[in-house]
Protein backbone atom coordinates (compact mmCIF):
# COMPACT_ATOMS: atom_id res chain seq x y z
CA MET A 1 14.51 42.31 42.20
CA ASN A 2 16.95 39.64 43.30
CA LEU A 3 15.70 36.46 41.72
CA ILE A 4 18.70 34.40 42.81
CA GLY A 5 19.93 36.48 45.74
CA LYS A 6 19.87 35.38 49.36
CA ASN A 7 16.66 36.59 50.99
CA ILE A 8 17.95 36.89 54.54
CA GLY A 9 18.63 39.58 57.08
CA GLU A 10 16.85 42.78 57.99
CA GLY A 11 17.00 44.11 54.43
CA GLY A 12 15.38 41.00 53.00
CA GLY A 13 17.67 40.55 50.02
CA ARG A 14 20.06 43.48 50.39
CA GLU A 15 23.57 42.45 49.48
CA GLU A 16 27.02 43.88 48.81
CA ILE A 17 28.32 44.27 45.27
CA PRO A 18 30.32 42.21 44.49
CA GLY A 19 28.29 39.67 46.40
CA TYR A 20 26.25 36.50 46.10
CA THR A 21 24.25 37.45 42.99
CA THR A 22 27.11 39.09 41.09
CA GLU A 23 29.45 36.16 41.84
CA ARG A 24 26.92 33.77 40.28
CA LEU A 25 26.45 36.05 37.26
CA CYS A 26 30.23 36.40 36.81
CA ALA A 27 30.64 32.62 36.87
CA LYS A 28 27.90 32.19 34.22
CA ALA A 29 29.38 34.93 32.00
CA LYS A 30 32.80 33.25 32.15
CA GLU A 31 31.35 29.77 31.64
CA HIS A 32 29.45 30.79 28.49
CA GLY A 33 31.80 33.54 27.27
CA VAL A 34 29.10 36.21 27.06
CA TYR A 35 28.37 39.68 28.39
CA ILE A 36 25.66 39.77 31.05
CA HIS A 37 23.67 42.78 32.18
CA GLY A 38 22.39 41.90 35.64
CA GLY A 39 19.93 43.94 37.57
CA SER A 40 18.28 45.31 39.33
CA ILE A 41 20.08 44.05 42.43
CA THR A 42 19.17 45.47 45.83
CA GLN A 43 22.54 46.77 46.98
CA ALA A 44 23.20 47.36 50.66
CA LEU A 45 24.78 50.77 51.15
CA PRO A 46 27.52 50.72 53.82
CA GLY A 47 26.44 52.49 56.99
CA GLU A 48 22.90 53.24 55.75
CA LYS A 49 19.47 51.67 56.09
CA ARG A 50 18.66 52.68 52.50
CA SER A 51 19.31 50.44 49.53
CA ALA A 52 20.17 51.22 45.95
CA ASN A 53 18.83 49.48 42.86
CA THR A 54 22.02 48.52 41.08
CA SER A 55 22.64 47.09 37.62
CA VAL A 56 25.95 45.53 36.64
CA LEU A 57 27.64 44.78 33.31
CA ILE A 58 29.80 41.66 33.36
CA SER A 59 32.41 40.78 30.74
CA PRO A 60 32.92 37.37 29.08
CA GLU A 61 35.95 36.99 31.36
CA GLY A 62 33.66 37.14 34.40
CA LYS A 63 34.69 40.63 35.58
CA ILE A 64 32.35 43.46 36.55
CA LEU A 65 32.91 46.18 33.94
CA ALA A 66 30.41 48.78 35.13
CA THR A 67 27.76 49.40 37.77
CA TYR A 68 24.87 51.82 37.86
CA SER A 69 23.16 52.55 41.18
CA LYS A 70 19.86 54.37 41.53
CA LEU A 71 18.39 55.74 44.74
CA HIS A 72 14.74 56.63 45.07
CA THR A 73 14.94 60.24 46.22
CA TRP A 74 11.56 61.46 45.00
CA GLY A 75 9.73 61.10 48.33
CA LEU A 76 9.76 64.77 49.39
CA PRO A 77 8.96 66.19 45.94
CA ALA A 78 6.06 63.72 45.70
CA LEU A 79 4.80 64.84 49.10
CA ALA A 80 4.99 68.50 48.02
CA TRP A 81 3.10 67.69 44.81
CA THR A 82 0.34 65.93 46.74
CA GLY A 83 -0.03 69.04 48.92
CA VAL A 84 -0.38 71.26 45.85
CA LEU A 85 -2.85 68.85 44.26
CA ALA A 86 -4.90 68.52 47.46
CA SER A 87 -5.07 72.30 47.83
CA SER A 88 -6.24 72.72 44.26
CA ARG A 89 -9.01 70.12 44.75
CA ILE A 90 -10.26 71.90 47.88
CA LEU A 91 -10.06 75.38 46.38
CA SER A 92 -11.89 74.29 43.23
CA GLY A 93 -14.72 72.85 45.37
CA LEU A 94 -14.27 69.27 44.17
CA HIS A 95 -13.44 67.89 47.64
CA TYR A 96 -14.04 68.78 51.27
CA VAL A 97 -11.08 69.32 53.60
CA SER A 98 -12.09 66.22 55.56
CA ASP A 99 -11.87 64.10 52.36
CA VAL A 100 -8.33 65.25 51.65
CA VAL A 101 -7.10 64.93 55.24
CA GLY A 102 -8.70 61.49 55.59
CA GLY A 103 -7.13 60.36 52.32
CA PHE A 104 -3.75 61.62 53.47
CA PHE A 105 -3.88 59.60 56.70
CA ILE A 106 -5.10 56.45 54.94
CA GLY A 107 -2.32 56.79 52.34
CA ALA A 108 0.33 57.52 54.97
CA ALA A 109 -0.75 54.51 57.06
CA ALA A 110 -0.71 52.21 54.01
CA SER A 111 2.74 53.49 53.00
CA HIS A 112 4.04 52.92 56.54
CA VAL A 113 2.75 49.34 56.60
CA VAL A 114 4.20 48.52 53.16
CA TYR A 115 7.54 50.20 53.91
CA HIS A 116 8.03 48.36 57.20
CA SER A 117 6.60 45.01 56.18
CA LYS A 118 9.02 42.69 54.44
CA ARG A 119 6.20 40.52 53.12
CA CYS A 120 4.33 43.52 51.65
CA SER A 121 7.56 44.78 50.12
CA GLN A 122 8.24 41.44 48.47
CA LEU A 123 4.64 41.28 47.24
CA ALA A 124 4.97 44.77 45.75
CA ASP A 125 8.23 43.73 44.05
CA HIS A 126 6.53 40.68 42.52
CA ILE A 127 3.51 42.69 41.37
CA LEU A 128 5.72 45.34 39.75
CA TYR A 129 7.91 42.67 38.14
CA TYR A 130 4.96 40.80 36.60
CA TRP A 131 3.33 44.10 35.58
CA HIS A 132 6.54 44.99 33.72
CA VAL A 133 6.71 41.53 32.09
CA GLY A 134 3.04 41.76 31.07
CA ALA A 135 3.46 45.27 29.69
CA THR A 136 6.50 44.15 27.68
CA VAL A 137 4.60 41.17 26.24
CA VAL A 138 1.63 43.35 25.29
CA GLN A 139 3.92 45.99 23.77
CA THR A 140 5.76 43.34 21.71
CA TRP A 141 2.47 41.81 20.57
CA TRP A 142 1.09 45.25 19.67
CA ARG A 143 4.13 46.04 17.49
CA LYS A 144 3.68 42.78 15.57
CA CYS A 145 0.02 43.46 14.82
C-alpha cells in the first residue's frame, strides 16, 4: 500500500521503481544513515495493466540494494478449487445446484465491481492494512501475556 505515493492515473497509485516513493525513501535513508525496507509499493509493470507488489531495501547511502516483486497469480487455481468445492457440496447433498450457481454469480459480480472500482480497491487496501496492524498488535500482546 503506497502511503506516500502519488494516487493519480488509471492505476490509482501505480508507479515506476525507482519512482516517487522510492526517491523519498532513499532521501530519508541517506539523511538518517539507516537501512530502510520499503514496501509494499504498487509497481507499474511496463506494457501491462497488471501491477506487482514490490518491496525495496535501501542502503544508508540512499541506494536501492534489492527489490522483490510479487504478482498475484493464484486466480485460476482458486477458481478451479471453488469448482471442486462446489461439486463436493452438491454431491454430498449439502447444497442445491441453484445455491451454488447463484453464489458463483454473486461472487463473480462482487469481484468484478471491486476489481474495476478504484474506490473499492482503495477501501479493500485500507481494510487489509488495518487488519494486519490489528493482528500484529494482538499477536504482540498475546506473546507478552
